[in-house]
PDB file of all heavy atoms in Angstrom:
ATOM      1  N   GLU A   1     -22.855 165.075 -52.185  1.00  0.00           N
ATOM      2  CA  GLU A   1     -22.913 163.653 -52.827  1.00  0.00           C
ATOM      3  C   GLU A   1     -24.089 162.933 -52.366  1.00  0.00           C
ATOM      4  O   GLU A   1     -24.230 161.737 -52.848  1.00  0.00           O
ATOM      5  CB  GLU A   1     -21.636 162.931 -52.487  1.00  0.00           C
ATOM      6  CG  GLU A   1     -20.363 163.564 -53.007  1.00  0.00           C
ATOM      7  CD  GLU A   1     -19.118 162.947 -52.462  1.00  0.00           C
ATOM      8  OE1 GLU A   1     -19.247 161.957 -51.678  1.00  0.00           O
ATOM      9  OE2 GLU A   1     -17.962 163.266 -52.874  1.00  0.00           O
ATOM     10  N   VAL A   2     -24.928 163.469 -51.537  1.00  0.00           N
ATOM     11  CA  VAL A   2     -26.104 162.685 -51.034  1.00  0.00           C
ATOM     12  C   VAL A   2     -27.007 162.398 -52.256  1.00  0.00           C
ATOM     13  O   VAL A   2     -27.317 163.270 -53.034  1.00  0.00           O
ATOM     14  CB  VAL A   2     -26.853 163.549 -49.921  1.00  0.00           C
ATOM     15  CG1 VAL A   2     -28.165 162.853 -49.630  1.00  0.00           C
ATOM     16  CG2 VAL A   2     -26.019 163.640 -48.714  1.00  0.00           C
ATOM     17  N   HIS A   3     -27.382 161.104 -52.336  1.00  0.00           N
ATOM     18  CA  HIS A   3     -28.262 160.602 -53.345  1.00  0.00           C
ATOM     19  C   HIS A   3     -29.710 160.399 -52.860  1.00  0.00           C
ATOM     20  O   HIS A   3     -29.827 159.793 -51.815  1.00  0.00           O
ATOM     21  CB  HIS A   3     -27.717 159.330 -54.018  1.00  0.00           C
ATOM     22  CG  HIS A   3     -26.459 159.532 -54.820  1.00  0.00           C
ATOM     23  ND1 HIS A   3     -25.292 159.789 -54.338  1.00  0.00           N
ATOM     24  CD2 HIS A   3     -26.349 159.452 -56.171  1.00  0.00           C
ATOM     25  CE1 HIS A   3     -24.387 159.964 -55.261  1.00  0.00           C
ATOM     26  NE2 HIS A   3     -25.008 159.700 -56.440  1.00  0.00           N
ATOM     27  N   PHE A   4     -30.672 160.818 -53.617  1.00  0.00           N
ATOM     28  CA  PHE A   4     -32.082 160.604 -53.311  1.00  0.00           C
ATOM     29  C   PHE A   4     -32.614 159.693 -54.414  1.00  0.00           C
ATOM     30  O   PHE A   4     -32.520 160.086 -55.582  1.00  0.00           O
ATOM     31  CB  PHE A   4     -32.816 161.849 -53.211  1.00  0.00           C
ATOM     32  CG  PHE A   4     -32.444 162.770 -52.163  1.00  0.00           C
ATOM     33  CD1 PHE A   4     -31.334 163.690 -52.327  1.00  0.00           C
ATOM     34  CD2 PHE A   4     -32.986 162.743 -50.857  1.00  0.00           C
ATOM     35  CE1 PHE A   4     -30.996 164.577 -51.317  1.00  0.00           C
ATOM     36  CE2 PHE A   4     -32.495 163.564 -49.845  1.00  0.00           C
ATOM     37  CZ  PHE A   4     -31.517 164.461 -50.013  1.00  0.00           C
ATOM     38  N   HIS A   5     -33.268 158.552 -54.048  1.00  0.00           N
ATOM     39  CA  HIS A   5     -33.937 157.768 -55.052  1.00  0.00           C
ATOM     40  C   HIS A   5     -34.954 158.609 -55.734  1.00  0.00           C
ATOM     41  O   HIS A   5     -35.633 159.499 -55.116  1.00  0.00           O
ATOM     42  CB  HIS A   5     -34.512 156.486 -54.385  1.00  0.00           C
ATOM     43  CG  HIS A   5     -33.470 155.585 -53.934  1.00  0.00           C
ATOM     44  ND1 HIS A   5     -32.800 154.711 -54.792  1.00  0.00           N
ATOM     45  CD2 HIS A   5     -33.024 155.329 -52.717  1.00  0.00           C
ATOM     46  CE1 HIS A   5     -31.948 153.925 -54.115  1.00  0.00           C
ATOM     47  NE2 HIS A   5     -32.055 154.289 -52.850  1.00  0.00           N
ATOM     48  N   GLU A   6     -35.252 158.368 -56.981  1.00  0.00           N
ATOM     49  CA  GLU A   6     -36.027 159.246 -57.831  1.00  0.00           C
ATOM     50  C   GLU A   6     -37.479 159.449 -57.221  1.00  0.00           C
ATOM     51  O   GLU A   6     -37.944 160.547 -57.157  1.00  0.00           O
ATOM     52  CB  GLU A   6     -36.120 158.715 -59.221  1.00  0.00           C
ATOM     53  CG  GLU A   6     -36.840 159.661 -60.243  1.00  0.00           C
ATOM     54  CD  GLU A   6     -35.968 160.866 -60.443  1.00  0.00           C
ATOM     55  OE1 GLU A   6     -34.806 160.952 -60.075  1.00  0.00           O
ATOM     56  OE2 GLU A   6     -36.484 161.863 -61.083  1.00  0.00           O
ATOM     57  N   VAL A   7     -38.081 158.374 -56.812  1.00  0.00           N
ATOM     58  CA  VAL A   7     -39.389 158.531 -56.275  1.00  0.00           C
ATOM     59  C   VAL A   7     -39.396 159.398 -55.063  1.00  0.00           C
ATOM     60  O   VAL A   7     -40.230 160.337 -54.897  1.00  0.00           O
ATOM     61  CB  VAL A   7     -40.080 157.167 -55.962  1.00  0.00           C
ATOM     62  CG1 VAL A   7     -41.393 157.331 -55.154  1.00  0.00           C
ATOM     63  CG2 VAL A   7     -40.273 156.293 -57.158  1.00  0.00           C
ATOM     64  N   GLY A   8     -38.514 159.118 -54.126  1.00  0.00           N
ATOM     65  CA  GLY A   8     -38.431 159.949 -52.875  1.00  0.00           C
ATOM     66  C   GLY A   8     -38.031 161.372 -53.158  1.00  0.00           C
ATOM     67  O   GLY A   8     -38.550 162.322 -52.623  1.00  0.00           O
ATOM     68  N   ALA A   9     -37.160 161.584 -54.178  1.00  0.00           N
ATOM     69  CA  ALA A   9     -36.715 162.902 -54.519  1.00  0.00           C
ATOM     70  C   ALA A   9     -37.857 163.695 -55.096  1.00  0.00           C
ATOM     71  O   ALA A   9     -38.059 164.917 -54.803  1.00  0.00           O
ATOM     72  CB  ALA A   9     -35.496 162.846 -55.461  1.00  0.00           C
ATOM     73  N   LEU A  10     -38.654 163.124 -56.018  1.00  0.00           N
ATOM     74  CA  LEU A  10     -39.749 163.806 -56.633  1.00  0.00           C
ATOM     75  C   LEU A  10     -40.784 164.179 -55.550  1.00  0.00           C
ATOM     76  O   LEU A  10     -41.252 165.313 -55.506  1.00  0.00           O
ATOM     77  CB  LEU A  10     -40.386 162.922 -57.705  1.00  0.00           C
ATOM     78  CG  LEU A  10     -41.609 163.528 -58.467  1.00  0.00           C
ATOM     79  CD1 LEU A  10     -41.196 164.833 -59.125  1.00  0.00           C
ATOM     80  CD2 LEU A  10     -42.083 162.643 -59.517  1.00  0.00           C
ATOM     81  N   ASP A  11     -41.156 163.342 -54.713  1.00  0.00           N
ATOM     82  CA  ASP A  11     -42.080 163.582 -53.568  1.00  0.00           C
ATOM     83  C   ASP A  11     -41.538 164.817 -52.734  1.00  0.00           C
ATOM     84  O   ASP A  11     -42.252 165.701 -52.455  1.00  0.00           O
ATOM     85  CB  ASP A  11     -42.243 162.388 -52.692  1.00  0.00           C
ATOM     86  CG  ASP A  11     -43.347 161.450 -53.230  1.00  0.00           C
ATOM     87  OD1 ASP A  11     -44.124 161.890 -54.120  1.00  0.00           O
ATOM     88  OD2 ASP A  11     -43.376 160.302 -52.783  1.00  0.00           O
ATOM     89  N   SER A  12     -40.252 164.655 -52.406  1.00  0.00           N
ATOM     90  CA  SER A  12     -39.604 165.661 -51.579  1.00  0.00           C
ATOM     91  C   SER A  12     -39.581 167.063 -52.231  1.00  0.00           C
ATOM     92  O   SER A  12     -39.814 168.071 -51.490  1.00  0.00           O
ATOM     93  CB  SER A  12     -38.196 165.229 -51.162  1.00  0.00           C
ATOM     94  OG  SER A  12     -38.241 164.019 -50.354  1.00  0.00           O
ATOM     95  N   ILE A  13     -39.284 167.055 -53.483  1.00  0.00           N
ATOM     96  CA  ILE A  13     -39.188 168.327 -54.218  1.00  0.00           C
ATOM     97  C   ILE A  13     -40.572 168.999 -54.119  1.00  0.00           C
ATOM     98  O   ILE A  13     -40.722 170.208 -53.845  1.00  0.00           O
ATOM     99  CB  ILE A  13     -38.769 168.167 -55.648  1.00  0.00           C
ATOM    100  CG1 ILE A  13     -37.270 167.767 -55.673  1.00  0.00           C
ATOM    101  CG2 ILE A  13     -38.956 169.456 -56.448  1.00  0.00           C
ATOM    102  CD1 ILE A  13     -36.835 167.341 -57.086  1.00  0.00           C
ATOM    103  N   VAL A  14     -41.591 168.236 -54.472  1.00  0.00           N
ATOM    104  CA  VAL A  14     -42.987 168.802 -54.469  1.00  0.00           C
ATOM    105  C   VAL A  14     -43.321 169.261 -52.999  1.00  0.00           C
ATOM    106  O   VAL A  14     -43.820 170.407 -52.814  1.00  0.00           O
ATOM    107  CB  VAL A  14     -44.035 167.737 -54.900  1.00  0.00           C
ATOM    108  CG1 VAL A  14     -45.431 168.279 -54.792  1.00  0.00           C
ATOM    109  CG2 VAL A  14     -43.802 167.487 -56.408  1.00  0.00           C
ATOM    110  N   ASP A  15     -43.054 168.441 -52.015  1.00  0.00           N
ATOM    111  CA  ASP A  15     -43.417 168.781 -50.627  1.00  0.00           C
ATOM    112  C   ASP A  15     -42.650 169.876 -50.048  1.00  0.00           C
ATOM    113  O   ASP A  15     -43.276 170.818 -49.384  1.00  0.00           O
ATOM    114  CB  ASP A  15     -43.211 167.551 -49.740  1.00  0.00           C
ATOM    115  CG  ASP A  15     -44.259 166.386 -49.971  1.00  0.00           C
ATOM    116  OD1 ASP A  15     -45.203 166.678 -50.591  1.00  0.00           O
ATOM    117  OD2 ASP A  15     -43.892 165.250 -49.502  1.00  0.00           O
ATOM    118  N   ILE A  16     -41.352 170.010 -50.411  1.00  0.00           N
ATOM    119  CA  ILE A  16     -40.552 171.047 -49.835  1.00  0.00           C
ATOM    120  C   ILE A  16     -40.744 172.356 -50.587  1.00  0.00           C
ATOM    121  O   ILE A  16     -40.861 173.453 -49.926  1.00  0.00           O
ATOM    122  CB  ILE A  16     -39.049 170.643 -49.905  1.00  0.00           C
ATOM    123  CG1 ILE A  16     -38.806 169.550 -48.824  1.00  0.00           C
ATOM    124  CG2 ILE A  16     -38.124 171.814 -49.655  1.00  0.00           C
ATOM    125  CD1 ILE A  16     -37.449 168.872 -48.865  1.00  0.00           C
ATOM    126  N   VAL A  17     -40.768 172.372 -51.931  1.00  0.00           N
ATOM    127  CA  VAL A  17     -41.110 173.620 -52.643  1.00  0.00           C
ATOM    128  C   VAL A  17     -42.503 174.028 -52.317  1.00  0.00           C
ATOM    129  O   VAL A  17     -42.695 175.225 -52.065  1.00  0.00           O
ATOM    130  CB  VAL A  17     -40.915 173.417 -54.177  1.00  0.00           C
ATOM    131  CG1 VAL A  17     -41.388 174.627 -54.932  1.00  0.00           C
ATOM    132  CG2 VAL A  17     -39.492 173.005 -54.572  1.00  0.00           C
ATOM    133  N   GLY A  18     -43.429 173.074 -52.162  1.00  0.00           N
ATOM    134  CA  GLY A  18     -44.730 173.508 -51.782  1.00  0.00           C
ATOM    135  C   GLY A  18     -44.841 174.131 -50.415  1.00  0.00           C
ATOM    136  O   GLY A  18     -45.561 175.142 -50.232  1.00  0.00           O
ATOM    137  N   ALA A  19     -44.148 173.613 -49.424  1.00  0.00           N
ATOM    138  CA  ALA A  19     -44.065 174.222 -48.148  1.00  0.00           C
ATOM    139  C   ALA A  19     -43.593 175.648 -48.135  1.00  0.00           C
ATOM    140  O   ALA A  19     -44.107 176.536 -47.500  1.00  0.00           O
ATOM    141  CB  ALA A  19     -43.220 173.360 -47.222  1.00  0.00           C
ATOM    142  N   ALA A  20     -42.529 175.812 -48.938  1.00  0.00           N
ATOM    143  CA  ALA A  20     -41.876 177.170 -49.099  1.00  0.00           C
ATOM    144  C   ALA A  20     -42.850 178.165 -49.781  1.00  0.00           C
ATOM    145  O   ALA A  20     -42.985 179.287 -49.324  1.00  0.00           O
ATOM    146  CB  ALA A  20     -40.562 177.073 -49.818  1.00  0.00           C
ATOM    147  N   VAL A  21     -43.542 177.681 -50.764  1.00  0.00           N
ATOM    148  CA  VAL A  21     -44.476 178.493 -51.483  1.00  0.00           C
ATOM    149  C   VAL A  21     -45.662 178.965 -50.669  1.00  0.00           C
ATOM    150  O   VAL A  21     -46.082 180.063 -50.603  1.00  0.00           O
ATOM    151  CB  VAL A  21     -45.011 177.782 -52.755  1.00  0.00           C
ATOM    152  CG1 VAL A  21     -46.200 178.450 -53.358  1.00  0.00           C
ATOM    153  CG2 VAL A  21     -43.876 177.677 -53.826  1.00  0.00           C
ATOM    154  N   CYS A  22     -46.151 177.943 -49.741  1.00  0.00           N
ATOM    155  CA  CYS A  22     -47.281 178.220 -48.963  1.00  0.00           C
ATOM    156  C   CYS A  22     -46.855 179.272 -47.839  1.00  0.00           C
ATOM    157  O   CYS A  22     -47.653 180.178 -47.493  1.00  0.00           O
ATOM    158  CB  CYS A  22     -47.777 176.944 -48.258  1.00  0.00           C
ATOM    159  SG  CYS A  22     -48.655 175.889 -49.402  1.00  0.00           S
ATOM    160  N   LEU A  23     -45.715 179.127 -47.261  1.00  0.00           N
ATOM    161  CA  LEU A  23     -45.257 180.106 -46.283  1.00  0.00           C
ATOM    162  C   LEU A  23     -45.121 181.457 -46.824  1.00  0.00           C
ATOM    163  O   LEU A  23     -45.417 182.470 -46.189  1.00  0.00           O
ATOM    164  CB  LEU A  23     -43.889 179.642 -45.637  1.00  0.00           C
ATOM    165  CG  LEU A  23     -44.013 178.510 -44.609  1.00  0.00           C
ATOM    166  CD1 LEU A  23     -42.645 177.955 -44.248  1.00  0.00           C
ATOM    167  CD2 LEU A  23     -44.678 179.020 -43.277  1.00  0.00           C
ATOM    168  N   ASP A  24     -44.590 181.495 -48.120  1.00  0.00           N
ATOM    169  CA  ASP A  24     -44.464 182.868 -48.752  1.00  0.00           C
ATOM    170  C   ASP A  24     -45.852 183.433 -48.994  1.00  0.00           C
ATOM    171  O   ASP A  24     -46.038 184.576 -48.873  1.00  0.00           O
ATOM    172  CB  ASP A  24     -43.726 182.689 -50.042  1.00  0.00           C
ATOM    173  CG  ASP A  24     -43.430 183.918 -50.723  1.00  0.00           C
ATOM    174  OD1 ASP A  24     -43.017 184.895 -50.021  1.00  0.00           O
ATOM    175  OD2 ASP A  24     -43.509 183.984 -51.981  1.00  0.00           O
ATOM    176  N   TYR A  25     -46.829 182.570 -49.395  1.00  0.00           N
ATOM    177  CA  TYR A  25     -48.202 183.033 -49.668  1.00  0.00           C
ATOM    178  C   TYR A  25     -48.860 183.627 -48.431  1.00  0.00           C
ATOM    179  O   TYR A  25     -49.537 184.626 -48.446  1.00  0.00           O
ATOM    180  CB  TYR A  25     -48.956 181.881 -50.209  1.00  0.00           C
ATOM    181  CG  TYR A  25     -50.412 182.145 -50.480  1.00  0.00           C
ATOM    182  CD1 TYR A  25     -50.814 182.515 -51.753  1.00  0.00           C
ATOM    183  CD2 TYR A  25     -51.434 181.967 -49.524  1.00  0.00           C
ATOM    184  CE1 TYR A  25     -52.136 182.723 -52.108  1.00  0.00           C
ATOM    185  CE2 TYR A  25     -52.730 182.204 -49.839  1.00  0.00           C
ATOM    186  CZ  TYR A  25     -53.121 182.624 -51.154  1.00  0.00           C
ATOM    187  OH  TYR A  25     -54.448 182.831 -51.365  1.00  0.00           O
ATOM    188  N   LEU A  26     -48.637 182.953 -47.252  1.00  0.00           N
ATOM    189  CA  LEU A  26     -49.166 183.347 -46.063  1.00  0.00           C
ATOM    190  C   LEU A  26     -48.605 184.634 -45.455  1.00  0.00           C
ATOM    191  O   LEU A  26     -49.273 185.366 -44.654  1.00  0.00           O
ATOM    192  CB  LEU A  26     -49.251 182.261 -45.012  1.00  0.00           C
ATOM    193  CG  LEU A  26     -50.144 181.058 -45.361  1.00  0.00           C
ATOM    194  CD1 LEU A  26     -49.870 179.936 -44.413  1.00  0.00           C
ATOM    195  CD2 LEU A  26     -51.608 181.454 -45.389  1.00  0.00           C
ATOM    196  N   GLN A  27     -47.344 184.851 -45.727  1.00  0.00           N
ATOM    197  CA  GLN A  27     -46.602 186.133 -45.220  1.00  0.00           C
ATOM    198  C   GLN A  27     -46.696 186.181 -43.707  1.00  0.00           C
ATOM    199  O   GLN A  27     -47.150 187.219 -43.255  1.00  0.00           O
ATOM    200  CB  GLN A  27     -47.203 187.344 -45.901  1.00  0.00           C
ATOM    201  CG  GLN A  27     -46.794 187.355 -47.427  1.00  0.00           C
ATOM    202  CD  GLN A  27     -45.361 187.655 -47.667  1.00  0.00           C
ATOM    203  OE1 GLN A  27     -44.748 188.652 -47.204  1.00  0.00           O
ATOM    204  NE2 GLN A  27     -44.712 186.781 -48.473  1.00  0.00           N
ATOM    205  N   VAL A  28     -46.384 185.204 -43.024  1.00  0.00           N
ATOM    206  CA  VAL A  28     -46.459 185.187 -41.507  1.00  0.00           C
ATOM    207  C   VAL A  28     -45.208 185.878 -41.007  1.00  0.00           C
ATOM    208  O   VAL A  28     -44.157 185.893 -41.560  1.00  0.00           O
ATOM    209  CB  VAL A  28     -46.629 183.817 -40.882  1.00  0.00           C
ATOM    210  CG1 VAL A  28     -47.956 183.216 -41.342  1.00  0.00           C
ATOM    211  CG2 VAL A  28     -45.539 182.906 -41.261  1.00  0.00           C
ATOM    212  N   ASP A  29     -45.288 186.450 -39.736  1.00  0.00           N
ATOM    213  CA  ASP A  29     -44.208 187.151 -39.066  1.00  0.00           C
ATOM    214  C   ASP A  29     -43.432 186.182 -38.246  1.00  0.00           C
ATOM    215  O   ASP A  29     -42.178 186.374 -37.976  1.00  0.00           O
ATOM    216  CB  ASP A  29     -44.734 188.319 -38.221  1.00  0.00           C
ATOM    217  CG  ASP A  29     -45.479 189.279 -39.027  1.00  0.00           C
ATOM    218  OD1 ASP A  29     -44.858 189.854 -39.980  1.00  0.00           O
ATOM    219  OD2 ASP A  29     -46.702 189.499 -38.760  1.00  0.00           O
ATOM    220  N   ARG A  30     -44.037 185.094 -37.814  1.00  0.00           N
ATOM    221  CA  ARG A  30     -43.438 184.189 -36.822  1.00  0.00           C
ATOM    222  C   ARG A  30     -44.021 182.777 -36.940  1.00  0.00           C
ATOM    223  O   ARG A  30     -45.254 182.642 -37.123  1.00  0.00           O
ATOM    224  CB  ARG A  30     -43.608 184.712 -35.413  1.00  0.00           C
ATOM    225  CG  ARG A  30     -42.816 184.047 -34.309  1.00  0.00           C
ATOM    226  CD  ARG A  30     -42.724 184.874 -33.045  1.00  0.00           C
ATOM    227  NE  ARG A  30     -42.113 184.258 -31.948  1.00  0.00           N
ATOM    228  CZ  ARG A  30     -40.919 184.016 -31.762  1.00  0.00           C
ATOM    229  NH1 ARG A  30     -40.014 184.409 -32.614  1.00  0.00           N
ATOM    230  NH2 ARG A  30     -40.444 183.346 -30.667  1.00  0.00           N
ATOM    231  N   VAL A  31     -43.172 181.755 -36.929  1.00  0.00           N
ATOM    232  CA  VAL A  31     -43.628 180.386 -37.056  1.00  0.00           C
ATOM    233  C   VAL A  31     -43.252 179.643 -35.707  1.00  0.00           C
ATOM    234  O   VAL A  31     -42.129 179.695 -35.268  1.00  0.00           O
ATOM    235  CB  VAL A  31     -42.939 179.670 -38.207  1.00  0.00           C
ATOM    236  CG1 VAL A  31     -43.420 178.211 -38.283  1.00  0.00           C
ATOM    237  CG2 VAL A  31     -43.187 180.356 -39.508  1.00  0.00           C
TER     238      VAL A  31
END
């Protein structure tokens, strides 16, 4: 039920999906 205001949610979606995509791109063994 957690609500995210639209501006914050849009920023967060881009930042979080982007972070996941970058980690997948780099294929690191350990963070």
